[in-house]
C-alpha atoms as a PDB file:
ATOM      1  CA  MET A   1      -3.817  -5.034 -28.035  1.00  0.00           C
ATOM      2  CA  MET A   2      -4.062  -6.099 -24.387  1.00  0.00           C
ATOM      3  CA  PRO A   3      -6.125  -4.173 -21.827  1.00  0.00           C
ATOM      4  CA  ILE A   4      -4.492  -1.962 -19.223  1.00  0.00           C
ATOM      5  CA  TYR A   5      -5.459  -2.758 -15.645  1.00  0.00           C
ATOM      6  CA  LEU A   6      -5.386  -0.323 -12.757  1.00  0.00           C
ATOM      7  CA  VAL A   7      -3.630  -1.931  -9.799  1.00  0.00           C
ATOM      8  CA  GLU A   8      -3.276  -0.503  -6.289  1.00  0.00           C
ATOM      9  CA  VAL A   9      -0.539  -1.569  -3.883  1.00  0.00           C
ATOM     10  CA  VAL A  10      -0.621  -0.652  -0.190  1.00  0.00           C
ATOM     11  CA  ILE A  11       2.519  -1.263   1.879  1.00  0.00           C
ATOM     12  CA  GLU A  12       2.120  -0.974   5.649  1.00  0.00           C
ATOM     13  CA  ASN A  13       4.159  -1.788   8.710  1.00  0.00           C
ATOM     14  CA  LYS A  14       3.115  -5.038  10.364  1.00  0.00           C
ATOM     15  CA  PRO A  15       1.071  -4.501  13.555  1.00  0.00           C
ATOM     16  CA  ALA A  16       3.999  -5.518  15.801  1.00  0.00           C
ATOM     17  CA  ALA A  17       6.432  -3.107  14.093  1.00  0.00           C
ATOM     18  CA  ARG A  18       6.851   0.408  15.462  1.00  0.00           C
ATOM     19  CA  ASP A  19       5.643   3.232  13.247  1.00  0.00           C
ATOM     20  CA  PRO A  20       7.448   6.421  14.354  1.00  0.00           C
ATOM     21  CA  GLU A  21       5.919   8.480  11.547  1.00  0.00           C
ATOM     22  CA  GLY A  22       2.405   7.344  12.479  1.00  0.00           C
ATOM     23  CA  GLU A  23       3.113   8.008  16.150  1.00  0.00           C
ATOM     24  CA  THR A  24       4.249  11.567  15.356  1.00  0.00           C
ATOM     25  CA  ILE A  25       1.188  12.242  13.196  1.00  0.00           C
ATOM     26  CA  GLY A  26      -1.048  10.848  15.941  1.00  0.00           C
ATOM     27  CA  ARG A  27       0.525  13.072  18.604  1.00  0.00           C
ATOM     28  CA  ASP A  28       0.179  16.130  16.355  1.00  0.00           C
ATOM     29  CA  LEU A  29      -3.484  15.384  15.640  1.00  0.00           C
ATOM     30  CA  ILE A  30      -4.218  15.179  19.364  1.00  0.00           C
ATOM     31  CA  ASN A  31      -1.876  17.844  20.774  1.00  0.00           C
ATOM     32  CA  LYS A  32      -1.947  20.459  18.007  1.00  0.00           C
ATOM     33  CA  GLY A  33      -5.178  19.710  16.194  1.00  0.00           C
ATOM     34  CA  GLY A  34      -7.547  18.876  19.016  1.00  0.00           C
ATOM     35  CA  TYR A  35      -8.544  15.524  17.520  1.00  0.00           C
ATOM     36  CA  GLU A  36      -8.662  13.531  20.756  1.00  0.00           C
ATOM     37  CA  MET A  37     -11.036  11.067  19.085  1.00  0.00           C
ATOM     38  CA  VAL A  38      -8.120   9.729  16.995  1.00  0.00           C
ATOM     39  CA  LYS A  39      -6.825   6.705  18.879  1.00  0.00           C
ATOM     40  CA  GLY A  40      -4.104   5.563  16.499  1.00  0.00           C
ATOM     41  CA  VAL A  41      -2.384   6.278  13.197  1.00  0.00           C
ATOM     42  CA  ARG A  42      -0.410   3.895  11.003  1.00  0.00           C
ATOM     43  CA  THR A  43       1.418   5.139   7.925  1.00  0.00           C
ATOM     44  CA  GLY A  44       2.306   3.324   4.730  1.00  0.00           C
ATOM     45  CA  LYS A  45       3.022   3.657   1.040  1.00  0.00           C
ATOM     46  CA  TYR A  46       0.501   3.676  -1.772  1.00  0.00           C
ATOM     47  CA  LEU A  47       1.287   2.815  -5.384  1.00  0.00           C
ATOM     48  CA  ARG A  48      -1.146   3.104  -8.307  1.00  0.00           C
ATOM     49  CA  LEU A  49       0.051   1.207 -11.357  1.00  0.00           C
ATOM     50  CA  ARG A  50      -1.204   0.849 -14.924  1.00  0.00           C
ATOM     51  CA  VAL A  51      -0.334  -2.667 -16.067  1.00  0.00           C
ATOM     52  CA  GLU A  52      -0.821  -4.131 -19.524  1.00  0.00           C
ATOM     53  CA  ALA A  53      -1.902  -7.764 -19.134  1.00  0.00           C
ATOM     54  CA  LYS A  54      -4.071 -10.466 -20.677  1.00  0.00           C
ATOM     55  CA  SER A  55      -6.225 -10.826 -17.571  1.00  0.00           C
ATOM     56  CA  GLU A  56      -6.858  -9.473 -14.083  1.00  0.00           C
ATOM     57  CA  GLN A  57      -4.997 -12.458 -12.611  1.00  0.00           C
ATOM     58  CA  GLN A  58      -1.974 -11.833 -14.829  1.00  0.00           C
ATOM     59  CA  ALA A  59      -1.933  -8.156 -13.810  1.00  0.00           C
ATOM     60  CA  ASN A  60      -1.968  -9.224 -10.155  1.00  0.00           C
ATOM     61  CA  ASP A  61       0.804 -11.769 -10.762  1.00  0.00           C
ATOM     62  CA  ILE A  62       2.997  -9.209 -12.558  1.00  0.00           C
ATOM     63  CA  VAL A  63       2.701  -6.700  -9.701  1.00  0.00           C
ATOM     64  CA  PHE A  64       3.251  -9.388  -7.043  1.00  0.00           C
ATOM     65  CA  LYS A  65       6.431 -10.545  -8.804  1.00  0.00           C
ATOM     66  CA  MET A  66       7.623  -6.955  -9.243  1.00  0.00           C
ATOM     67  CA  CYS A  67       7.087  -6.107  -5.566  1.00  0.00           C
ATOM     68  CA  ASN A  68       8.981  -9.188  -4.414  1.00  0.00           C
ATOM     69  CA  GLU A  69      11.844  -9.242  -6.933  1.00  0.00           C
ATOM     70  CA  LEU A  70      12.597  -5.531  -6.686  1.00  0.00           C
ATOM     71  CA  ARG A  71      12.193  -5.509  -2.881  1.00  0.00           C
ATOM     72  CA  ILE A  72       9.681  -2.665  -2.994  1.00  0.00           C
ATOM     73  CA  TYR A  73       8.807  -3.718   0.542  1.00  0.00           C
ATOM     74  CA  ASN A  74      10.489  -5.663   3.328  1.00  0.00           C
ATOM     75  CA  PRO A  75       8.383  -8.758   4.094  1.00  0.00           C
ATOM     76  CA  VAL A  76       9.899  -8.990   7.577  1.00  0.00           C
ATOM     77  CA  VAL A  77       8.344  -5.719   8.762  1.00  0.00           C
ATOM     78  CA  HIS A  78       5.764  -4.836   6.070  1.00  0.00           C
ATOM     79  CA  THR A  79       2.570  -6.219   4.635  1.00  0.00           C
ATOM     80  CA  CYS A  80       1.860  -5.722   0.952  1.00  0.00           C
ATOM     81  CA  THR A  81      -1.721  -5.715  -0.312  1.00  0.00           C
ATOM     82  CA  ILE A  82      -2.334  -5.803  -4.072  1.00  0.00           C
ATOM     83  CA  GLN A  83      -5.741  -5.061  -5.536  1.00  0.00           C
ATOM     84  CA  VAL A  84      -6.625  -4.994  -9.230  1.00  0.00           C
ATOM     85  CA  LYS A  85      -9.266  -2.279  -9.592  1.00  0.00           C
ATOM     86  CA  GLY A  86     -10.315  -3.121 -13.145  1.00  0.00           C
ATOM     87  CA  ILE A  87      -9.624  -2.202 -16.729  1.00  0.00           C
ATOM     88  CA  GLU A  88      -8.646   1.377 -17.461  1.00  0.00           C
ATOM     89  CA  LYS A  89     -11.329   3.154 -19.421  1.00  0.00           C
END
């Protein structure tokens, strides 16, 4: 039986891409919430996956392939960060 790895994927807009959702949240924090100390907000997507694999590297490779083949993100406007957190206990 192979171990199950916990893998986190964060998909964010590239710095040069507009982020209307982040801009709206930022305005609301300042205008409605009184959080003037917030100087910027960027939104994204977060995925937490449980992946059965022989090794940490294989778990990373499986998720990388999945994200690219299934177009879970658009590489033109997004960055995709994959991090294997370890073996599920």
